[in-house]
Structures are given as structure tokens and as C-alpha cells.
Amino acid sequence: MYHVFYGVILLATAGLFRLLRQPAIRILLCVYAAFWVGLLYDVLLIFLSKGAATSGGWYLYAVVGAEVTLCFAGLYSILPARCIAG
């Protein structure tokens, strides 16, 4: 089942490359990228202090809105509207 989601993510990412000229998409991508930089910094600090490269998954709730919006925008730019809207 995870492979199906990986395919959807790859398809949405390919669609986002078509939308990079739009300022709203670039802003959401910057927010999402800044979050991941911060999370990787957290993982680095935990690894250096405890020896485990891990972090709390609950931090992902902070960017769910950006993630869903980017995923839908990417899919919408690739797939026909009738495939998404039903």
C-alpha cells in the first residue's frame, strides 16, 4: 500500500514542477522546506545528545495544511479535473 502512496507523491511532485512560477506555490514550498530544515536540525541535536536519529512525529501536524495543499495542486496540474473531482 505504501508504494501506491509513493506513486501519488511522485506524481504530485512532478505536477508541482509545472506550478513553480506561481508565487503562492513557491511560498508554500518555502514554508514546507523551512519546516524540514528545522526538523532535521532537531534530529541532529537529538542524535548528538542521545545517539538516536529520531524525532517526534507529532511535529508533522504543523505543516499538514501546506502538505495537502501542495499535493492537491500538484495532482490537479497533472491529472484531468474529472479524475480528481469525481
Protein backbone atom coordinates (compact mmCIF):
# COMPACT_ATOMS: atom_id res chain seq x y z
CA MET A 1 0.00 0.00 0.00
CA TYR A 2 2.87 2.36 0.74
CA HIS A 3 4.06 2.01 -2.84
CA VAL A 4 0.74 3.38 -4.07
CA PHE A 5 1.21 6.45 -1.87
CA TYR A 6 4.79 6.82 -3.09
CA GLY A 7 3.47 6.88 -6.64
CA VAL A 8 0.90 9.54 -5.75
CA ILE A 9 3.60 11.62 -4.06
CA LEU A 10 5.88 11.34 -7.11
CA LEU A 11 3.03 12.32 -9.40
CA ALA A 12 2.15 15.32 -7.22
CA THR A 13 5.81 16.37 -7.09
CA ALA A 14 6.05 16.23 -10.87
CA GLY A 15 2.95 18.40 -11.07
CA LEU A 16 4.45 20.93 -8.69
CA PHE A 17 7.36 21.48 -11.07
CA ARG A 18 4.79 22.76 -13.57
CA LEU A 19 3.47 25.23 -11.00
CA LEU A 20 6.74 26.72 -9.72
CA ARG A 21 6.07 30.04 -11.48
CA GLN A 22 3.11 30.75 -9.19
CA PRO A 23 4.06 32.80 -6.12
CA ALA A 24 1.59 31.01 -3.81
CA ILE A 25 3.14 27.63 -4.61
CA ARG A 26 6.65 28.98 -4.04
CA ILE A 27 5.63 30.43 -0.66
CA LEU A 28 4.09 27.12 0.45
CA LEU A 29 7.17 25.25 -0.71
CA CYS A 30 9.38 27.65 1.29
CA VAL A 31 7.26 27.10 4.41
CA TYR A 32 7.43 23.34 3.92
CA ALA A 33 11.19 23.38 3.25
CA ALA A 34 11.86 25.61 6.28
CA PHE A 35 9.92 23.17 8.44
CA TRP A 36 12.02 20.24 7.23
CA VAL A 37 15.25 22.14 7.82
CA GLY A 38 14.14 22.80 11.39
CA LEU A 39 13.10 19.19 11.88
CA LEU A 40 16.43 17.92 10.56
CA TYR A 41 18.19 20.26 12.98
CA ASP A 42 16.12 18.76 15.80
CA VAL A 43 17.07 15.25 14.67
CA LEU A 44 20.74 16.26 14.54
CA LEU A 45 20.63 17.63 18.09
CA ILE A 46 18.89 14.50 19.40
CA PHE A 47 21.44 12.32 17.61
CA LEU A 48 24.37 14.25 19.06
CA SER A 49 22.97 14.15 22.61
CA LYS A 50 21.34 10.69 22.74
CA GLY A 51 22.80 8.75 19.80
CA ALA A 52 19.41 8.14 18.16
CA ALA A 53 18.50 9.78 14.86
CA THR A 54 14.82 10.32 15.63
CA SER A 55 12.25 12.98 16.35
CA GLY A 56 8.63 13.16 17.40
CA GLY A 57 6.21 12.57 14.55
CA TRP A 58 3.68 14.95 16.07
CA TYR A 59 5.68 17.86 14.66
CA LEU A 60 4.32 17.00 11.22
CA TYR A 61 0.90 18.29 12.27
CA ALA A 62 2.29 21.82 11.88
CA VAL A 63 2.55 21.54 8.09
CA VAL A 64 -0.32 19.23 7.19
CA GLY A 65 -2.22 22.12 5.59
CA ALA A 66 0.71 23.06 3.39
CA GLU A 67 1.40 19.43 2.52
CA VAL A 68 -2.18 18.65 1.49
CA THR A 69 -2.47 21.88 -0.50
CA LEU A 70 0.79 21.21 -2.35
CA CYS A 71 -0.20 17.59 -3.02
CA PHE A 72 -3.61 18.57 -4.39
CA ALA A 73 -2.16 21.39 -6.52
CA GLY A 74 0.45 19.06 -7.99
CA LEU A 75 -2.09 16.36 -8.79
CA TYR A 76 -4.54 18.90 -10.20
CA SER A 77 -1.90 20.23 -12.60
CA ILE A 78 -1.12 16.74 -13.96
CA LEU A 79 -4.40 14.85 -13.90
CA PRO A 80 -7.59 15.84 -15.65
CA ALA A 81 -10.05 17.65 -13.37
CA ARG A 82 -12.63 14.85 -13.71
CA CYS A 83 -10.17 12.33 -12.17
CA ILE A 84 -9.81 14.41 -9.02
CA ALA A 85 -13.25 15.92 -8.56
CA GLY A 86 -15.10 12.73 -9.33
